[in-house]
């Protein structure tokens, strides 16, 4: 494993349906050199910001790639949350800085679009979850306090500064 973490800036989108359920992807790949296993944790669509891309631009690109949803960057609300995570993937440690946006009232059948080779390998499931289902589940969710965070979003459009979450 290399000693120095690679800094990675990411954009993530909390996609909510009219009932307030959130679509999450199930991470199954702990290391790119091993076959995917059971779901390790559930997380929002999103990924790395490419050179010359804005956070909003990355968020909408990732939505199209990962769940087949095409939206205008102006439709994203926020940013609402900021999260930092340092962890290993394979033999590399990443220092990931995540910015979360919200997209509300989405009615969409998830069909992945242009997945990367690694995303195809990971073969991740998706599911629409209510805050109550998340709170009652033994599964791991990212961010960690997702039910309470989702409850904060139910109050309507986000008007404050982004909140730092764990």
Protein backbone atom coordinates (compact mmCIF):
# COMPACT_ATOMS: atom_id res chain seq x y z
CA UNK A 1 0.00 0.00 0.00
CA UNK A 2 1.32 3.44 -0.82
CA UNK A 3 1.98 5.77 2.11
CA UNK A 4 0.52 8.98 0.76
CA UNK A 5 -3.24 9.26 0.20
CA UNK A 6 -4.47 10.41 -3.19
CA UNK A 7 -6.84 13.36 -2.80
CA UNK A 8 -10.09 12.82 -4.68
CA UNK A 9 -12.87 15.38 -5.08
CA UNK A 10 -16.29 13.87 -5.66
CA UNK A 11 -19.86 15.00 -6.28
CA UNK A 12 -22.77 12.93 -4.96
CA UNK A 13 -26.50 13.32 -5.45
CA UNK A 14 -29.25 12.44 -2.99
CA UNK A 15 -32.00 11.43 -5.42
CA UNK A 16 -35.44 11.55 -3.75
CA UNK A 17 -38.71 10.28 -5.19
CA UNK A 18 -42.05 12.03 -4.46
CA UNK A 19 -42.49 9.86 -1.33
CA UNK A 20 -39.07 10.93 0.01
CA UNK A 21 -37.35 7.62 -0.67
CA UNK A 22 -33.69 7.78 -1.71
CA UNK A 23 -32.04 5.66 -4.37
CA UNK A 24 -28.85 4.00 -3.13
CA UNK A 25 -26.23 1.80 -4.74
CA UNK A 26 -24.77 -1.23 -2.97
CA UNK A 27 -20.96 -1.27 -2.88
CA UNK A 28 -19.73 -4.84 -3.36
CA UNK A 29 -16.09 -4.40 -4.34
CA UNK A 30 -13.50 -4.03 -1.54
CA UNK A 31 -10.58 -4.32 -3.95
CA UNK A 32 -10.45 -4.24 -7.76
CA UNK A 33 -8.36 -7.42 -7.77
CA UNK A 34 -11.05 -9.64 -6.19
CA UNK A 35 -14.55 -10.59 -7.37
CA UNK A 36 -17.42 -8.62 -5.84
CA UNK A 37 -19.10 -10.13 -2.80
CA UNK A 38 -22.06 -9.18 -0.64
CA UNK A 39 -23.03 -5.53 -0.27
CA UNK A 40 -20.55 -3.81 2.05
CA UNK A 41 -22.47 -0.54 2.31
CA UNK A 42 -25.13 1.54 0.52
CA UNK A 43 -24.32 4.99 -0.88
CA UNK A 44 -25.68 7.74 -3.10
CA UNK A 45 -24.86 7.97 -6.82
CA UNK A 46 -21.82 10.08 -7.60
CA UNK A 47 -18.11 9.99 -8.23
CA UNK A 48 -14.93 11.80 -9.04
CA UNK A 49 -14.79 15.24 -10.59
CA UNK A 50 -12.90 15.19 -13.89
CA UNK A 51 -10.48 17.89 -15.09
CA UNK A 52 -12.34 21.04 -16.10
CA UNK A 53 -15.62 19.80 -14.64
CA UNK A 54 -17.70 21.60 -12.00
CA UNK A 55 -19.10 19.78 -8.98
CA UNK A 56 -22.63 20.10 -10.42
CA UNK A 57 -21.40 18.92 -13.82
CA UNK A 58 -19.80 15.87 -12.22
CA UNK A 59 -22.98 15.15 -10.28
CA UNK A 60 -25.21 15.15 -13.36
CA UNK A 61 -22.67 13.14 -15.38
CA UNK A 62 -22.51 10.52 -12.64
CA UNK A 63 -26.33 10.34 -12.47
CA UNK A 64 -26.44 9.61 -16.21
CA UNK A 65 -23.66 7.02 -15.97
CA UNK A 66 -24.69 5.20 -12.81
CA UNK A 67 -28.50 5.29 -12.86
CA UNK A 68 -29.37 6.49 -16.39
CA UNK A 69 -30.95 9.73 -15.20
CA UNK A 70 -30.33 12.82 -17.35
CA UNK A 71 -30.91 16.17 -15.63
CA UNK A 72 -29.87 19.79 -15.97
CA UNK A 73 -27.17 20.89 -13.49
CA UNK A 74 -29.51 23.70 -12.38
CA UNK A 75 -31.94 21.05 -11.08
CA UNK A 76 -29.49 20.07 -8.34
CA UNK A 77 -30.20 21.72 -5.00
CA UNK A 78 -27.38 22.64 -2.68
CA UNK A 79 -24.71 21.69 -1.92
CA UNK A 80 -26.34 20.30 1.23
CA UNK A 81 -23.65 18.13 2.83
CA UNK A 82 -19.86 17.88 2.86
CA UNK A 83 -18.06 14.71 3.89
CA UNK A 84 -14.42 13.66 4.11
CA UNK A 85 -13.44 10.00 4.06
CA UNK A 86 -9.95 8.53 4.13
CA UNK A 87 -9.76 4.86 3.25
CA UNK A 88 -8.10 2.20 1.16
CA UNK A 89 -9.32 0.76 -2.10
CA UNK A 90 -6.99 -1.97 -3.25
CA UNK A 91 -3.41 -0.89 -2.60
CA UNK A 92 -4.16 2.84 -2.67
CA UNK A 93 -5.36 5.10 0.15
CA UNK A 94 -7.77 7.85 -0.90
CA UNK A 95 -8.55 11.09 0.89
CA UNK A 96 -12.00 11.73 -0.56
CA UNK A 97 -13.78 15.09 -0.29
CA UNK A 98 -17.47 14.61 -1.09
CA UNK A 99 -19.99 17.33 -1.91
CA UNK A 100 -23.64 16.25 -1.84
CA UNK A 101 -26.50 17.79 -3.82
CA UNK A 102 -30.22 16.94 -3.75
CA UNK A 103 -32.56 16.15 -6.62
CA UNK A 104 -36.21 16.02 -5.55
CA UNK A 105 -39.44 14.45 -6.80
CA UNK A 106 -37.75 12.03 -9.19
CA UNK A 107 -39.78 9.28 -10.82
CA UNK A 108 -37.22 7.10 -12.56
CA UNK A 109 -36.49 3.47 -13.32
CA UNK A 110 -32.81 2.91 -12.61
CA UNK A 111 -30.98 1.67 -15.69
CA UNK A 112 -27.22 2.24 -15.60
CA UNK A 113 -25.84 4.23 -18.51
CA UNK A 114 -22.17 4.46 -19.46
CA UNK A 115 -20.51 2.59 -16.61
CA UNK A 116 -16.75 2.49 -16.24
CA UNK A 117 -14.92 -0.84 -16.48
CA UNK A 118 -14.61 -0.89 -12.68
CA UNK A 119 -18.34 -0.16 -12.23
CA UNK A 120 -19.23 -3.00 -14.59
CA UNK A 121 -16.95 -5.32 -12.60
CA UNK A 122 -18.54 -4.22 -9.31
CA UNK A 123 -22.04 -5.09 -10.59
CA UNK A 124 -23.72 -3.02 -7.87
CA UNK A 125 -27.40 -3.40 -7.02
CA UNK A 126 -29.65 -0.41 -6.48
CA UNK A 127 -32.68 0.12 -4.28
CA UNK A 128 -35.09 2.89 -3.32
CA UNK A 129 -35.06 3.20 0.50
CA UNK A 130 -37.29 5.12 2.91
CA UNK A 131 -35.69 6.74 5.95
CA UNK A 132 -37.66 4.27 8.10
CA UNK A 133 -36.30 1.28 6.18
CA UNK A 134 -32.75 2.60 6.55
CA UNK A 135 -33.22 3.19 10.29
CA UNK A 136 -34.58 -0.35 10.78
CA UNK A 137 -31.90 -2.03 8.65
CA UNK A 138 -28.71 -3.72 9.85
CA UNK A 139 -27.01 -2.64 6.60
CA UNK A 140 -24.27 0.03 6.56
CA UNK A 141 -25.13 3.38 4.94
CA UNK A 142 -22.97 6.30 3.85
CA UNK A 143 -23.23 8.91 5.24
CA UNK A 144 -23.66 7.14 8.56
CA UNK A 145 -26.65 9.03 9.99
CA UNK A 146 -28.66 8.90 6.78
CA UNK A 147 -32.17 8.64 8.32
CA UNK A 148 -31.72 11.87 10.32
CA UNK A 149 -30.07 13.60 7.37
CA UNK A 150 -32.94 12.62 5.08
CA UNK A 151 -35.43 13.96 7.65
CA UNK A 152 -33.69 17.35 7.45
CA UNK A 153 -34.18 17.38 3.68
CA UNK A 154 -37.92 16.68 3.97
CA UNK A 155 -38.53 20.26 5.15
CA UNK A 156 -38.24 21.65 1.64
CA UNK A 157 -35.53 23.33 -0.37
CA UNK A 158 -32.14 23.63 1.32
CA UNK A 159 -31.38 27.28 2.02
CA UNK A 160 -28.44 27.14 4.40
CA UNK A 161 -24.76 26.45 3.92
CA UNK A 162 -23.69 22.83 3.43
CA UNK A 163 -23.56 20.75 6.60
CA UNK A 164 -20.49 18.65 7.44
CA UNK A 165 -21.59 15.02 7.90
CA UNK A 166 -19.81 11.84 8.96
